Protein backbone atom coordinates (compact mmCIF):
# COMPACT_ATOMS: atom_id res chain seq x y z
CA MET A 1 -14.38 -71.70 22.39
CA SER A 2 -14.10 -70.81 18.62
CA LYS A 3 -13.29 -67.45 17.45
CA ASN A 4 -16.83 -66.56 16.61
CA MET A 5 -18.10 -67.60 20.12
CA THR A 6 -15.72 -65.37 21.97
CA ASN A 7 -17.11 -62.30 23.68
CA GLN A 8 -16.93 -59.29 21.18
CA ASN A 9 -15.86 -55.93 22.43
CA TYR A 10 -14.28 -52.72 21.07
CA LYS A 11 -10.96 -54.29 20.93
CA ASN A 12 -11.70 -57.34 18.92
CA HIS A 13 -14.69 -56.39 16.93
CA THR A 14 -12.84 -55.85 13.64
CA ARG A 15 -13.13 -58.66 11.16
CA PHE A 16 -11.02 -59.81 8.23
CA TYR A 17 -12.16 -61.93 5.48
CA PRO A 18 -8.94 -63.95 4.84
CA LEU A 19 -9.45 -64.63 1.04
CA HIS A 20 -10.21 -61.05 0.31
CA HIS A 21 -7.99 -59.29 2.67
CA PHE A 22 -4.85 -61.66 2.54
CA ILE A 23 -5.10 -63.27 -0.80
CA ILE A 24 -7.07 -61.54 -3.52
CA THR A 25 -6.33 -57.89 -2.72
CA PRO A 26 -2.46 -58.56 -2.24
CA LEU A 27 -2.43 -60.64 -5.42
CA THR A 28 -4.31 -57.98 -7.57
CA LEU A 29 -2.07 -55.27 -6.06
CA LEU A 30 0.84 -57.39 -6.98
CA LEU A 31 -0.32 -57.93 -10.54
CA LEU A 32 -0.91 -54.13 -11.00
CA THR A 33 2.47 -53.26 -9.71
CA TRP A 34 4.17 -55.98 -11.89
CA THR A 35 2.21 -54.64 -14.86
CA VAL A 36 3.37 -51.08 -14.24
CA LEU A 37 7.12 -52.16 -13.83
CA LYS A 38 6.92 -54.26 -17.06
CA SER A 39 5.33 -51.49 -19.09
CA ASP A 40 7.27 -50.47 -22.05
CA PHE A 41 6.59 -47.24 -23.84
CA SER A 42 9.49 -47.39 -26.34
CA THR A 43 7.45 -47.90 -29.56
CA SER A 44 3.90 -47.19 -30.35
CA GLN A 45 3.01 -50.99 -30.47
CA MET A 46 4.55 -51.52 -27.04
CA THR A 47 2.85 -48.29 -25.73
CA SER A 48 -0.54 -49.65 -26.90
CA ASP A 49 0.18 -53.22 -25.56
CA SER A 50 1.31 -51.65 -22.08
CA ILE A 51 -1.85 -49.39 -21.97
CA TYR A 52 -3.94 -52.47 -22.72
CA ARG A 53 -2.35 -54.60 -19.95
CA LEU A 54 -2.46 -51.54 -17.49
CA LEU A 55 -6.20 -51.28 -18.06
CA ILE A 56 -6.85 -54.94 -17.58
CA ALA A 57 -4.71 -54.98 -14.33
CA PHE A 58 -6.51 -51.99 -12.99
CA LEU A 59 -9.85 -53.47 -13.72
CA ILE A 60 -8.86 -56.72 -11.93
CA VAL A 61 -7.79 -54.63 -8.85
CA LEU A 62 -11.20 -52.78 -9.02
CA LEU A 63 -13.49 -55.88 -9.28
CA PRO A 64 -12.95 -57.39 -5.89
CA GLN A 65 -13.10 -54.00 -4.28
CA LEU A 66 -16.48 -53.13 -6.07
CA SER A 67 -17.96 -56.49 -4.88
CA ARG A 68 -16.93 -55.73 -1.29
CA LEU A 69 -18.36 -52.20 -1.53
CA TYR A 70 -21.71 -53.71 -2.65
CA ALA A 71 -21.72 -56.20 0.15
CA MET A 72 -20.85 -53.45 2.69
CA LYS A 73 -23.47 -51.15 1.26
CA ASN A 74 -26.08 -53.85 1.55
CA GLN A 75 -24.95 -54.68 5.04
CA ASP A 76 -25.31 -50.92 6.08
CA ARG A 77 -28.96 -51.09 4.77
CA ILE A 78 -29.60 -54.19 6.77
CA ILE A 79 -28.12 -52.60 9.94
CA ARG A 80 -30.45 -49.56 9.49
CA MET A 81 -33.43 -51.82 9.33
CA GLU A 82 -32.36 -53.78 12.34
CA LEU A 83 -31.87 -50.54 14.32
CA ARG A 84 -35.25 -49.30 13.23
CA GLN A 85 -36.86 -52.56 14.46
CA ARG A 86 -34.93 -52.56 17.74
CA TYR A 87 -35.88 -48.91 18.37
CA TYR A 88 -39.56 -49.70 17.76
CA GLN A 89 -39.45 -52.79 19.89
CA LEU A 90 -37.94 -50.84 22.87
CA THR A 91 -39.97 -47.69 22.51
CA GLY A 92 -43.12 -48.38 20.42
CA HIS A 93 -42.13 -45.44 18.29
CA PRO A 94 -40.52 -44.98 14.85
CA PHE A 95 -36.78 -44.50 14.72
CA TYR A 96 -36.83 -42.01 11.68
CA GLU A 97 -36.72 -38.83 13.82
CA LYS A 98 -33.62 -39.87 15.77
CA GLU A 99 -32.18 -41.65 12.57
CA ASN A 100 -32.13 -38.41 10.64
CA GLN A 101 -30.00 -36.80 13.39
CA LEU A 102 -27.40 -39.50 13.17
CA GLN A 103 -24.68 -40.24 10.34
CA GLY A 104 -24.26 -43.50 8.83
CA LYS A 105 -21.13 -44.38 10.71
CA GLN A 106 -22.88 -43.59 14.00
CA LEU A 107 -25.89 -45.76 13.12
CA ILE A 108 -23.44 -48.73 12.25
CA ALA A 109 -21.51 -48.35 15.56
CA LEU A 110 -24.98 -48.36 17.54
CA ARG A 111 -25.66 -51.79 16.42
CA PHE A 112 -23.15 -53.07 19.05
CA ALA A 113 -25.03 -51.54 21.94
CA GLY A 114 -27.04 -54.00 24.06
CA ASP A 115 -30.73 -53.19 24.54
CA ASP A 116 -30.20 -51.93 28.09
CA GLU A 117 -28.11 -49.08 26.99
CA PHE A 118 -29.18 -48.73 23.24
CA LEU A 119 -31.63 -45.76 24.04
CA THR A 120 -29.31 -43.93 26.21
CA ILE A 121 -26.38 -44.16 23.75
CA ILE A 122 -28.55 -42.97 20.96
CA ASP A 123 -29.46 -39.84 22.96
CA SER A 124 -25.85 -39.33 23.95
CA ALA A 125 -24.59 -39.78 20.43
CA ILE A 126 -26.98 -37.10 19.23
CA GLU A 127 -26.61 -34.75 22.09
CA ARG A 128 -22.78 -34.94 22.35
CA LYS A 129 -22.20 -35.42 18.43
CA MET A 130 -20.19 -38.59 19.19
CA ASP A 131 -18.36 -40.15 16.40
CA ALA A 132 -18.45 -43.97 15.69
CA LYS A 133 -15.31 -44.72 17.66
CA GLU A 134 -16.73 -42.74 20.69
CA ILE A 135 -19.98 -44.62 20.44
CA LYS A 136 -18.28 -48.05 20.30
CA LYS A 137 -15.98 -47.18 23.34
CA SER A 138 -18.97 -46.06 25.47
CA ILE A 139 -20.71 -49.34 25.08
CA LYS A 140 -20.66 -51.24 28.30
CA SER A 141 -22.93 -54.12 27.28
CA TRP A 142 -21.58 -55.24 23.92
CA LYS A 143 -24.06 -56.91 21.49
CA ALA A 144 -21.75 -59.14 19.20
CA ASP A 145 -22.38 -58.99 15.51
CA ASN A 146 -20.57 -62.07 14.26
CA HIS A 147 -22.44 -62.38 10.91
CA ARG A 148 -20.78 -59.28 9.11
CA VAL A 149 -19.35 -59.46 5.67
């Protein structure tokens, strides 16, 4: 059974994107660190060159983080749409009233609840003001999400 086909649960639901997490991010941080260590402010020309290199290195660190942020924000919007659809399919009512009582991280955590407990967990999350971690831990029937960014 491949990694994507294993049963997902609270303990194994975290995903890493190897190219981003283990190659690009460490290399960009290494570049920034190296640039800082090699900076020379002894003359005005060296100061100017060092500032230029530091700005470039800093931008290079930010670019992959920014693209990841965009992807995650888009994913969060898709999750909200999926929750609205699921809620409507299960109840025949719009989700907006309940959605407005929940924070973004709570909504994102709710996507893992199976249909048999989805409505109950929503009510519990609102009533008990559960955080995302508590919501995930309370799920008995885990609905895997293997398509995340």
